[in-house]
């Protein structure tokens, strides 16, 4: 009887000693963060994932900026993309290093500086948002420790930011990227163009007027056509799309343009559609590949 009581007492002490450590060894996800933007003159919402050791260590971490698609917001990657559970599993398995994952709310901005002095999203992202993350959290403020990824509209945004700011990121991962050519823009119905683009890039009552200076400044193919030779090898690109995605031709055309420009790119056309099951699968690969750059600087 005494042995049983002693055993139970020892078990209770073990729980008391180890439970606090176990409780601390949890990753952290918040969907309720915000930053006051002087450029946008409003608060910018964001979600953030902090790895398990963040609360118990003093070290700094690499950062993955993860961008949402059209119609989504800063909570989409956490609620629909299950980013916390996926990141925990991939990191715990040893296939990825611990990192901070940041998911900003870009609304329906297409991540660009809009026409006529409207929301300057790109300017805000680089002049305010990244500095905010790197001063608020223990984020490593080096190009080699930053990567950017996104889906659909966010795939376009991640690609645009990497191409226009090649000294800011080590790798870029556009998924199901909503990248359009001049022909695509001209062929959108008036309803679709007005709903998706008109407030952002402008344009008049004729289709030809859609190819505005704002469009030209943010058109991926125009950027690639004039891309500086010195910048071509600065970032590695990983483009992925589902074979049943309505954007698969756009992504194939994009990959060919990247190859023709001699920018280091891997393109993968996999089984899948333009939906979350595909994107949840892809984010596992992104976490692994980004870590190879953060940790070892490996090429694709």
C-alpha atoms as a PDB file:
ATOM      1  CA  UNK A   1       0.000   0.000   0.000  1.00  0.00           C
ATOM      2  CA  UNK A   2       2.849   2.374   0.909  1.00  0.00           C
ATOM      3  CA  UNK A   3       4.536   1.552  -2.397  1.00  0.00           C
ATOM      4  CA  UNK A   4       1.337   2.400  -4.301  1.00  0.00           C
ATOM      5  CA  UNK A   5       0.952   5.724  -2.467  1.00  0.00           C
ATOM      6  CA  UNK A   6       4.636   6.550  -3.049  1.00  0.00           C
ATOM      7  CA  UNK A   7       4.287   5.732  -6.736  1.00  0.00           C
ATOM      8  CA  UNK A   8       1.270   8.023  -7.067  1.00  0.00           C
ATOM      9  CA  UNK A   9       3.072  10.848  -5.268  1.00  0.00           C
ATOM     10  CA  UNK A  10       6.066  10.481  -7.582  1.00  0.00           C
ATOM     11  CA  UNK A  11       3.751  10.486 -10.602  1.00  0.00           C
ATOM     12  CA  UNK A  12       2.094  13.686  -9.398  1.00  0.00           C
ATOM     13  CA  UNK A  13       5.471  15.355  -8.930  1.00  0.00           C
ATOM     14  CA  UNK A  14       6.467  14.333 -12.437  1.00  0.00           C
ATOM     15  CA  UNK A  15       3.330  15.960 -13.799  1.00  0.00           C
ATOM     16  CA  UNK A  16       3.985  19.122 -11.800  1.00  0.00           C
ATOM     17  CA  UNK A  17       7.571  19.289 -13.021  1.00  0.00           C
ATOM     18  CA  UNK A  18       6.989  18.486 -16.668  1.00  0.00           C
ATOM     19  CA  UNK A  19       3.597  19.977 -17.520  1.00  0.00           C
ATOM     20  CA  UNK A  20       4.835  23.593 -17.495  1.00  0.00           C
ATOM     21  CA  UNK A  21       7.561  22.649 -19.965  1.00  0.00           C
ATOM     22  CA  UNK A  22       5.064  20.817 -22.092  1.00  0.00           C
ATOM     23  CA  UNK A  23       2.735  23.804 -22.054  1.00  0.00           C
ATOM     24  CA  UNK A  24       5.559  26.093 -23.162  1.00  0.00           C
ATOM     25  CA  UNK A  25       6.493  23.777 -26.010  1.00  0.00           C
ATOM     26  CA  UNK A  26       3.579  24.925 -28.152  1.00  0.00           C
ATOM     27  CA  UNK A  27       3.637  27.027 -31.266  1.00  0.00           C
ATOM     28  CA  UNK A  28       1.747  30.300 -31.209  1.00  0.00           C
ATOM     29  CA  UNK A  29      -0.758  31.587 -33.743  1.00  0.00           C
ATOM     30  CA  UNK A  30      -2.523  34.923 -33.567  1.00  0.00           C
ATOM     31  CA  UNK A  31      -5.038  36.178 -36.140  1.00  0.00           C
ATOM     32  CA  UNK A  32      -5.611  39.494 -34.369  1.00  0.00           C
ATOM     33  CA  UNK A  33      -2.422  41.483 -34.890  1.00  0.00           C
ATOM     34  CA  UNK A  34      -2.334  44.889 -36.557  1.00  0.00           C
ATOM     35  CA  UNK A  35       0.086  47.625 -37.543  1.00  0.00           C
ATOM     36  CA  UNK A  36      -0.740  51.304 -37.931  1.00  0.00           C
ATOM     37  CA  UNK A  37       0.184  52.355 -41.471  1.00  0.00           C
ATOM     38  CA  UNK A  38       0.905  55.993 -42.169  1.00  0.00           C
ATOM     39  CA  UNK A  39       1.098  55.217 -45.879  1.00  0.00           C
ATOM     40  CA  UNK A  40      -2.360  53.621 -46.068  1.00  0.00           C
ATOM     41  CA  UNK A  41      -3.738  55.781 -43.246  1.00  0.00           C
ATOM     42  CA  UNK A  42      -5.337  52.743 -41.628  1.00  0.00           C
ATOM     43  CA  UNK A  43      -4.431  49.701 -39.577  1.00  0.00           C
ATOM     44  CA  UNK A  44      -3.046  46.708 -41.450  1.00  0.00           C
ATOM     45  CA  UNK A  45      -4.213  43.410 -39.986  1.00  0.00           C
ATOM     46  CA  UNK A  46      -2.067  40.303 -40.031  1.00  0.00           C
ATOM     47  CA  UNK A  47      -1.783  36.797 -38.633  1.00  0.00           C
ATOM     48  CA  UNK A  48       1.480  35.425 -37.315  1.00  0.00           C
ATOM     49  CA  UNK A  49       2.839  31.967 -36.507  1.00  0.00           C
ATOM     50  CA  UNK A  50       5.672  31.669 -33.990  1.00  0.00           C
ATOM     51  CA  UNK A  51       7.464  28.308 -33.634  1.00  0.00           C
ATOM     52  CA  UNK A  52       7.516  26.224 -30.472  1.00  0.00           C
ATOM     53  CA  UNK A  53      10.847  27.435 -29.119  1.00  0.00           C
ATOM     54  CA  UNK A  54      10.056  31.126 -29.581  1.00  0.00           C
ATOM     55  CA  UNK A  55       8.677  31.639 -26.063  1.00  0.00           C
ATOM     56  CA  UNK A  56      11.499  29.766 -24.328  1.00  0.00           C
ATOM     57  CA  UNK A  57      14.550  30.933 -26.274  1.00  0.00           C
ATOM     58  CA  UNK A  58      16.234  34.197 -27.165  1.00  0.00           C
ATOM     59  CA  UNK A  59      17.267  33.273 -30.694  1.00  0.00           C
ATOM     60  CA  UNK A  60      16.029  34.963 -33.854  1.00  0.00           C
ATOM     61  CA  UNK A  61      14.265  33.213 -36.716  1.00  0.00           C
ATOM     62  CA  UNK A  62      13.933  33.308 -40.502  1.00  0.00           C
ATOM     63  CA  UNK A  63      10.632  34.576 -41.881  1.00  0.00           C
ATOM     64  CA  UNK A  64       8.230  33.335 -44.538  1.00  0.00           C
ATOM     65  CA  UNK A  65       5.771  35.963 -45.778  1.00  0.00           C
ATOM     66  CA  UNK A  66       2.652  34.113 -46.901  1.00  0.00           C
ATOM     67  CA  UNK A  67       0.142  36.002 -49.066  1.00  0.00           C
ATOM     68  CA  UNK A  68      -3.575  35.293 -49.506  1.00  0.00           C
ATOM     69  CA  UNK A  69      -5.718  35.192 -52.627  1.00  0.00           C
ATOM     70  CA  UNK A  70      -8.507  37.346 -54.021  1.00  0.00           C
ATOM     71  CA  UNK A  71     -11.570  37.302 -51.774  1.00  0.00           C
ATOM     72  CA  UNK A  72      -9.530  36.038 -48.818  1.00  0.00           C
ATOM     73  CA  UNK A  73      -7.806  37.840 -45.958  1.00  0.00           C
ATOM     74  CA  UNK A  74      -5.081  37.480 -43.333  1.00  0.00           C
ATOM     75  CA  UNK A  75      -6.914  34.626 -41.597  1.00  0.00           C
ATOM     76  CA  UNK A  76      -7.343  32.403 -44.656  1.00  0.00           C
ATOM     77  CA  UNK A  77      -4.017  30.596 -44.394  1.00  0.00           C
ATOM     78  CA  UNK A  78      -4.709  29.824 -40.729  1.00  0.00           C
ATOM     79  CA  UNK A  79      -8.404  28.907 -40.955  1.00  0.00           C
ATOM     80  CA  UNK A  80      -8.540  27.221 -44.373  1.00  0.00           C
ATOM     81  CA  UNK A  81      -4.865  26.516 -44.935  1.00  0.00           C
ATOM     82  CA  UNK A  82      -4.345  24.978 -41.469  1.00  0.00           C
ATOM     83  CA  UNK A  83      -0.916  26.595 -41.396  1.00  0.00           C
ATOM     84  CA  UNK A  84      -0.249  26.076 -37.688  1.00  0.00           C
ATOM     85  CA  UNK A  85      -0.925  22.333 -37.726  1.00  0.00           C
ATOM     86  CA  UNK A  86       0.977  21.833 -40.988  1.00  0.00           C
ATOM     87  CA  UNK A  87       3.980  23.892 -39.900  1.00  0.00           C
ATOM     88  CA  UNK A  88       4.119  22.077 -36.555  1.00  0.00           C
ATOM     89  CA  UNK A  89       4.088  18.685 -38.268  1.00  0.00           C
ATOM     90  CA  UNK A  90       6.700  19.550 -40.896  1.00  0.00           C
ATOM     91  CA  UNK A  91       9.029  21.176 -38.352  1.00  0.00           C
ATOM     92  CA  UNK A  92       8.584  18.355 -35.813  1.00  0.00           C
ATOM     93  CA  UNK A  93       9.419  15.812 -38.511  1.00  0.00           C
ATOM     94  CA  UNK A  94      12.734  17.536 -39.174  1.00  0.00           C
ATOM     95  CA  UNK A  95      11.791  18.404 -42.764  1.00  0.00           C
ATOM     96  CA  UNK A  96      11.788  22.135 -42.018  1.00  0.00           C
ATOM     97  CA  UNK A  97      13.547  24.475 -39.632  1.00  0.00           C
ATOM     98  CA  UNK A  98      11.684  26.624 -37.162  1.00  0.00           C
ATOM     99  CA  UNK A  99      10.568  29.893 -38.721  1.00  0.00           C
ATOM    100  CA  UNK A 100       8.166  32.780 -38.271  1.00  0.00           C
ATOM    101  CA  UNK A 101       5.276  32.842 -40.753  1.00  0.00           C
ATOM    102  CA  UNK A 102       3.563  36.173 -41.404  1.00  0.00           C
ATOM    103  CA  UNK A 103       0.222  36.523 -43.222  1.00  0.00           C
ATOM    104  CA  UNK A 104      -0.773  40.146 -43.968  1.00  0.00           C
ATOM    105  CA  UNK A 105      -4.204  41.363 -45.032  1.00  0.00           C
ATOM    106  CA  UNK A 106      -3.920  42.932 -48.482  1.00  0.00           C
ATOM    107  CA  UNK A 107      -7.684  43.048 -49.117  1.00  0.00           C
ATOM    108  CA  UNK A 108      -8.315  43.035 -52.905  1.00  0.00           C
ATOM    109  CA  UNK A 109      -5.287  45.200 -53.705  1.00  0.00           C
ATOM    110  CA  UNK A 110      -3.369  42.775 -55.932  1.00  0.00           C
ATOM    111  CA  UNK A 111      -0.448  43.825 -53.701  1.00  0.00           C
ATOM    112  CA  UNK A 112       0.412  46.794 -55.941  1.00  0.00           C
ATOM    113  CA  UNK A 113       0.547  50.554 -55.616  1.00  0.00           C
ATOM    114  CA  UNK A 114      -2.873  51.373 -57.034  1.00  0.00           C
ATOM    115  CA  UNK A 115      -3.522  54.027 -59.646  1.00  0.00           C
ATOM    116  CA  UNK A 116      -4.377  57.674 -58.914  1.00  0.00           C
ATOM    117  CA  UNK A 117      -2.693  57.664 -55.520  1.00  0.00           C
ATOM    118  CA  UNK A 118      -5.028  55.074 -54.021  1.00  0.00           C
ATOM    119  CA  UNK A 119      -3.820  52.346 -51.635  1.00  0.00           C
ATOM    120  CA  UNK A 120      -0.037  52.052 -51.967  1.00  0.00           C
ATOM    121  CA  UNK A 121       0.198  48.429 -50.888  1.00  0.00           C
ATOM    122  CA  UNK A 122       3.680  47.639 -52.191  1.00  0.00           C
ATOM    123  CA  UNK A 123       5.124  50.799 -50.647  1.00  0.00           C
ATOM    124  CA  UNK A 124       3.501  49.929 -47.311  1.00  0.00           C
ATOM    125  CA  UNK A 125       4.786  46.350 -47.401  1.00  0.00           C
ATOM    126  CA  UNK A 126       8.450  47.263 -47.830  1.00  0.00           C
ATOM    127  CA  UNK A 127       8.661  50.595 -46.027  1.00  0.00           C
ATOM    128  CA  UNK A 128       6.442  49.798 -43.039  1.00  0.00           C
ATOM    129  CA  UNK A 129       5.342  46.185 -42.753  1.00  0.00           C
ATOM    130  CA  UNK A 130       8.635  44.293 -43.007  1.00  0.00           C
ATOM    131  CA  UNK A 131      10.350  46.775 -40.650  1.00  0.00           C
ATOM    132  CA  UNK A 132       7.432  46.364 -38.231  1.00  0.00           C
ATOM    133  CA  UNK A 133       7.799  42.575 -38.210  1.00  0.00           C
ATOM    134  CA  UNK A 134      11.566  42.760 -37.766  1.00  0.00           C
ATOM    135  CA  UNK A 135      11.380  45.200 -34.844  1.00  0.00           C
ATOM    136  CA  UNK A 136       8.359  43.646 -33.111  1.00  0.00           C
ATOM    137  CA  UNK A 137       9.481  40.014 -33.321  1.00  0.00           C
ATOM    138  CA  UNK A 138      12.833  38.254 -33.247  1.00  0.00           C
ATOM    139  CA  UNK A 139      12.993  38.036 -37.021  1.00  0.00           C
ATOM    140  CA  UNK A 140      16.347  37.928 -38.785  1.00  0.00           C
ATOM    141  CA  UNK A 141      16.651  41.019 -40.947  1.00  0.00           C
ATOM    142  CA  UNK A 142      18.709  39.524 -43.747  1.00  0.00           C
ATOM    143  CA  UNK A 143      17.789  38.657 -47.321  1.00  0.00           C
ATOM    144  CA  UNK A 144      19.105  35.113 -46.826  1.00  0.00           C
ATOM    145  CA  UNK A 145      16.572  34.595 -44.021  1.00  0.00           C
ATOM    146  CA  UNK A 146      13.459  35.876 -45.805  1.00  0.00           C
ATOM    147  CA  UNK A 147      11.239  34.031 -48.273  1.00  0.00           C
ATOM    148  CA  UNK A 148       7.885  34.909 -49.800  1.00  0.00           C
ATOM    149  CA  UNK A 149       5.020  32.744 -51.040  1.00  0.00           C
ATOM    150  CA  UNK A 150       1.377  33.122 -51.938  1.00  0.00           C
ATOM    151  CA  UNK A 151      -1.597  31.596 -53.696  1.00  0.00           C
ATOM    152  CA  UNK A 152      -3.554  32.928 -56.672  1.00  0.00           C
ATOM    153  CA  UNK A 153      -3.596  36.743 -56.259  1.00  0.00           C
ATOM    154  CA  UNK A 154      -0.980  36.193 -53.557  1.00  0.00           C
ATOM    155  CA  UNK A 155       1.034  34.058 -55.967  1.00  0.00           C
ATOM    156  CA  UNK A 156       1.137  37.041 -58.298  1.00  0.00           C
ATOM    157  CA  UNK A 157       1.970  39.320 -55.363  1.00  0.00           C
ATOM    158  CA  UNK A 158       4.836  37.141 -54.163  1.00  0.00           C
ATOM    159  CA  UNK A 159       6.277  36.971 -57.678  1.00  0.00           C
ATOM    160  CA  UNK A 160       5.885  40.715 -58.217  1.00  0.00           C
ATOM    161  CA  UNK A 161       7.582  41.565 -54.923  1.00  0.00           C
ATOM    162  CA  UNK A 162      10.471  39.175 -55.519  1.00  0.00           C
ATOM    163  CA  UNK A 163      11.108  40.397 -59.062  1.00  0.00           C
ATOM    164  CA  UNK A 164      10.911  44.070 -58.109  1.00  0.00           C
ATOM    165  CA  UNK A 165      12.874  43.685 -54.862  1.00  0.00           C
ATOM    166  CA  UNK A 166      15.494  40.989 -55.557  1.00  0.00           C
ATOM    167  CA  UNK A 167      17.655  42.057 -52.613  1.00  0.00           C
ATOM    168  CA  UNK A 168      14.899  41.328 -50.105  1.00  0.00           C
ATOM    169  CA  UNK A 169      14.264  37.574 -50.447  1.00  0.00           C
ATOM    170  CA  UNK A 170      16.231  34.382 -50.944  1.00  0.00           C
ATOM    171  CA  UNK A 171      13.377  32.376 -52.480  1.00  0.00           C
ATOM    172  CA  UNK A 172       9.896  32.901 -53.924  1.00  0.00           C
ATOM    173  CA  UNK A 173       7.051  30.377 -54.111  1.00  0.00           C
ATOM    174  CA  UNK A 174       4.060  31.403 -56.263  1.00  0.00           C
ATOM    175  CA  UNK A 175       1.260  28.805 -56.093  1.00  0.00           C
ATOM    176  CA  UNK A 176      -1.539  28.819 -58.685  1.00  0.00           C
ATOM    177  CA  UNK A 177      -0.367  32.330 -59.517  1.00  0.00           C
ATOM    178  CA  UNK A 178      -2.938  34.703 -61.011  1.00  0.00           C
ATOM    179  CA  UNK A 179      -0.537  36.107 -63.598  1.00  0.00           C
ATOM    180  CA  UNK A 180      -2.166  37.610 -66.686  1.00  0.00           C
ATOM    181  CA  UNK A 181      -0.890  38.814 -70.037  1.00  0.00           C
ATOM    182  CA  UNK A 182      -2.035  41.881 -71.978  1.00  0.00           C
ATOM    183  CA  UNK A 183      -4.272  39.581 -73.998  1.00  0.00           C
ATOM    184  CA  UNK A 184      -5.879  38.208 -70.839  1.00  0.00           C
ATOM    185  CA  UNK A 185      -6.592  41.717 -69.539  1.00  0.00           C
ATOM    186  CA  UNK A 186      -8.150  42.755 -72.849  1.00  0.00           C
ATOM    187  CA  UNK A 187     -10.292  39.609 -72.986  1.00  0.00           C
ATOM    188  CA  UNK A 188     -11.883  39.974 -69.554  1.00  0.00           C
ATOM    189  CA  UNK A 189     -15.566  40.843 -69.742  1.00  0.00           C
ATOM    190  CA  UNK A 190     -16.448  44.367 -68.683  1.00  0.00           C
ATOM    191  CA  UNK A 191     -18.066  42.960 -65.532  1.00  0.00           C
ATOM    192  CA  UNK A 192     -15.040  40.866 -64.552  1.00  0.00           C
ATOM    193  CA  UNK A 193     -12.573  43.631 -65.315  1.00  0.00           C
ATOM    194  CA  UNK A 194     -14.521  46.189 -63.310  1.00  0.00           C
ATOM    195  CA  UNK A 195     -14.942  43.824 -60.365  1.00  0.00           C
ATOM    196  CA  UNK A 196     -11.327  42.665 -60.218  1.00  0.00           C
ATOM    197  CA  UNK A 197      -9.093  45.386 -61.603  1.00  0.00           C
ATOM    198  CA  UNK A 198     -10.597  48.753 -62.515  1.00  0.00           C
ATOM    199  CA  UNK A 199     -10.228  50.434 -59.130  1.00  0.00           C
ATOM    200  CA  UNK A 200      -6.661  49.168 -58.907  1.00  0.00           C
ATOM    201  CA  UNK A 201      -5.136  49.712 -62.362  1.00  0.00           C
ATOM    202  CA  UNK A 202      -7.653  52.140 -63.850  1.00  0.00           C
ATOM    203  CA  UNK A 203      -8.785  52.225 -67.469  1.00  0.00           C
ATOM    204  CA  UNK A 204     -11.536  53.912 -69.399  1.00  0.00           C
ATOM    205  CA  UNK A 205     -14.546  52.678 -71.345  1.00  0.00           C
ATOM    206  CA  UNK A 206     -12.602  50.868 -74.056  1.00  0.00           C
ATOM    207  CA  UNK A 207     -10.682  47.616 -73.669  1.00  0.00           C
ATOM    208  CA  UNK A 208      -7.505  49.185 -75.051  1.00  0.00           C
ATOM    209  CA  UNK A 209      -7.555  51.754 -72.248  1.00  0.00           C
ATOM    210  CA  UNK A 210      -7.076  48.951 -69.698  1.00  0.00           C
ATOM    211  CA  UNK A 211      -3.334  48.777 -70.440  1.00  0.00           C
ATOM    212  CA  UNK A 212      -2.626  51.731 -68.187  1.00  0.00           C
ATOM    213  CA  UNK A 213       0.748  52.907 -66.862  1.00  0.00           C
ATOM    214  CA  UNK A 214      -0.139  51.220 -63.549  1.00  0.00           C
ATOM    215  CA  UNK A 215      -0.757  47.940 -65.377  1.00  0.00           C
ATOM    216  CA  UNK A 216       2.492  48.257 -67.312  1.00  0.00           C
ATOM    217  CA  UNK A 217       4.496  48.917 -64.115  1.00  0.00           C
ATOM    218  CA  UNK A 218       3.130  45.724 -62.551  1.00  0.00           C
ATOM    219  CA  UNK A 219       2.834  43.472 -65.593  1.00  0.00           C
ATOM    220  CA  UNK A 220       5.077  40.468 -64.988  1.00  0.00           C
ATOM    221  CA  UNK A 221       5.912  40.059 -68.687  1.00  0.00           C
ATOM    222  CA  UNK A 222       6.968  43.693 -69.062  1.00  0.00           C
ATOM    223  CA  UNK A 223       9.148  43.324 -65.965  1.00  0.00           C
ATOM    224  CA  UNK A 224      10.742  40.150 -67.352  1.00  0.00           C
ATOM    225  CA  UNK A 225      11.339  41.703 -70.759  1.00  0.00           C
ATOM    226  CA  UNK A 226      13.453  44.436 -69.199  1.00  0.00           C
ATOM    227  CA  UNK A 227      14.886  42.480 -66.288  1.00  0.00           C
ATOM    228  CA  UNK A 228      18.440  43.491 -65.283  1.00  0.00           C
ATOM    229  CA  UNK A 229      21.024  40.795 -65.881  1.00  0.00           C
ATOM    230  CA  UNK A 230      22.621  41.481 -62.503  1.00  0.00           C
ATOM    231  CA  UNK A 231      19.381  40.558 -60.701  1.00  0.00           C
ATOM    232  CA  UNK A 232      18.543  37.317 -62.492  1.00  0.00           C
ATOM    233  CA  UNK A 233      20.363  34.961 -60.129  1.00  0.00           C
ATOM    234  CA  UNK A 234      19.509  36.691 -56.843  1.00  0.00           C
ATOM    235  CA  UNK A 235      16.347  34.707 -56.020  1.00  0.00           C
ATOM    236  CA  UNK A 236      15.310  31.116 -56.652  1.00  0.00           C
ATOM    237  CA  UNK A 237      11.729  30.620 -57.852  1.00  0.00           C
ATOM    238  CA  UNK A 238       9.466  27.629 -57.329  1.00  0.00           C
ATOM    239  CA  UNK A 239       6.198  27.785 -59.300  1.00  0.00           C
ATOM    240  CA  UNK A 240       3.493  25.165 -58.688  1.00  0.00           C
ATOM    241  CA  UNK A 241       0.013  24.718 -60.123  1.00  0.00           C
ATOM    242  CA  UNK A 242      -2.633  22.018 -60.308  1.00  0.00           C
ATOM    243  CA  UNK A 243      -3.260  20.326 -63.628  1.00  0.00           C
ATOM    244  CA  UNK A 244      -7.013  20.937 -63.252  1.00  0.00           C
ATOM    245  CA  UNK A 245      -6.546  24.561 -62.169  1.00  0.00           C
ATOM    246  CA  UNK A 246      -8.186  27.089 -64.504  1.00  0.00           C
ATOM    247  CA  UNK A 247      -4.880  29.012 -64.313  1.00  0.00           C
ATOM    248  CA  UNK A 248      -2.618  26.129 -65.361  1.00  0.00           C
ATOM    249  CA  UNK A 249      -1.948  27.606 -68.824  1.00  0.00           C
ATOM    250  CA  UNK A 250      -1.097  30.954 -67.248  1.00  0.00           C
ATOM    251  CA  UNK A 251       1.386  29.286 -64.924  1.00  0.00           C
ATOM    252  CA  UNK A 252       2.929  27.260 -67.745  1.00  0.00           C
ATOM    253  CA  UNK A 253       3.332  30.443 -69.800  1.00  0.00           C
ATOM    254  CA  UNK A 254       4.861  32.157 -66.779  1.00  0.00           C
ATOM    255  CA  UNK A 255       7.366  29.348 -66.241  1.00  0.00           C
ATOM    256  CA  UNK A 256       8.421  29.458 -69.897  1.00  0.00           C
ATOM    257  CA  UNK A 257       8.944  33.217 -69.670  1.00  0.00           C
ATOM    258  CA  UNK A 258      11.067  32.756 -66.543  1.00  0.00           C
ATOM    259  CA  UNK A 259      13.146  30.083 -68.304  1.00  0.00           C
ATOM    260  CA  UNK A 260      13.594  32.291 -71.366  1.00  0.00           C
ATOM    261  CA  UNK A 261      14.772  35.128 -69.117  1.00  0.00           C
ATOM    262  CA  UNK A 262      17.335  32.741 -67.534  1.00  0.00           C
ATOM    263  CA  UNK A 263      15.977  33.209 -64.024  1.00  0.00           C
ATOM    264  CA  UNK A 264      16.488  30.108 -61.816  1.00  0.00           C
ATOM    265  CA  UNK A 265      13.046  28.502 -61.745  1.00  0.00           C
ATOM    266  CA  UNK A 266      11.472  25.151 -61.033  1.00  0.00           C
ATOM    267  CA  UNK A 267       7.953  24.591 -62.331  1.00  0.00           C
ATOM    268  CA  UNK A 268       5.772  21.742 -61.099  1.00  0.00           C
ATOM    269  CA  UNK A 269       2.389  20.873 -62.602  1.00  0.00           C
ATOM    270  CA  UNK A 270       0.803  18.477 -60.138  1.00  0.00           C
ATOM    271  CA  UNK A 271      -2.526  16.751 -59.685  1.00  0.00           C
ATOM    272  CA  UNK A 272      -4.936  19.290 -58.249  1.00  0.00           C
ATOM    273  CA  UNK A 273      -7.335  22.166 -58.695  1.00  0.00           C
ATOM    274  CA  UNK A 274      -7.563  25.815 -57.648  1.00  0.00           C
ATOM    275  CA  UNK A 275      -8.527  24.920 -54.103  1.00  0.00           C
ATOM    276  CA  UNK A 276      -7.270  24.491 -50.556  1.00  0.00           C
ATOM    277  CA  UNK A 277      -6.485  20.758 -50.669  1.00  0.00           C
ATOM    278  CA  UNK A 278      -3.855  21.517 -53.324  1.00  0.00           C
ATOM    279  CA  UNK A 279      -2.472  24.561 -51.503  1.00  0.00           C
ATOM    280  CA  UNK A 280      -2.261  22.703 -48.192  1.00  0.00           C
ATOM    281  CA  UNK A 281      -0.164  20.023 -49.893  1.00  0.00           C
ATOM    282  CA  UNK A 282       2.092  22.598 -51.515  1.00  0.00           C
ATOM    283  CA  UNK A 283       2.801  24.540 -48.342  1.00  0.00           C
ATOM    284  CA  UNK A 284       4.524  21.465 -46.891  1.00  0.00           C
ATOM    285  CA  UNK A 285       6.988  21.498 -49.783  1.00  0.00           C
ATOM    286  CA  UNK A 286       7.419  25.247 -49.470  1.00  0.00           C
ATOM    287  CA  UNK A 287       8.339  25.015 -45.778  1.00  0.00           C
ATOM    288  CA  UNK A 288      10.884  22.301 -46.555  1.00  0.00           C
ATOM    289  CA  UNK A 289      12.447  24.082 -49.530  1.00  0.00           C
ATOM    290  CA  UNK A 290      12.514  27.485 -47.844  1.00  0.00           C
ATOM    291  CA  UNK A 291      14.334  25.887 -44.918  1.00  0.00           C
ATOM    292  CA  UNK A 292      17.005  24.534 -47.240  1.00  0.00           C
ATOM    293  CA  UNK A 293      17.768  28.112 -48.230  1.00  0.00           C
ATOM    294  CA  UNK A 294      17.528  29.514 -44.702  1.00  0.00           C
ATOM    295  CA  UNK A 295      19.648  26.776 -43.157  1.00  0.00           C
ATOM    296  CA  UNK A 296      22.104  25.643 -45.803  1.00  0.00           C
ATOM    297  CA  UNK A 297      21.744  28.031 -48.725  1.00  0.00           C
ATOM    298  CA  UNK A 298      21.114  25.108 -51.060  1.00  0.00           C
ATOM    299  CA  UNK A 299      20.031  25.598 -54.633  1.00  0.00           C
ATOM    300  CA  UNK A 300      16.961  23.910 -56.063  1.00  0.00           C
END
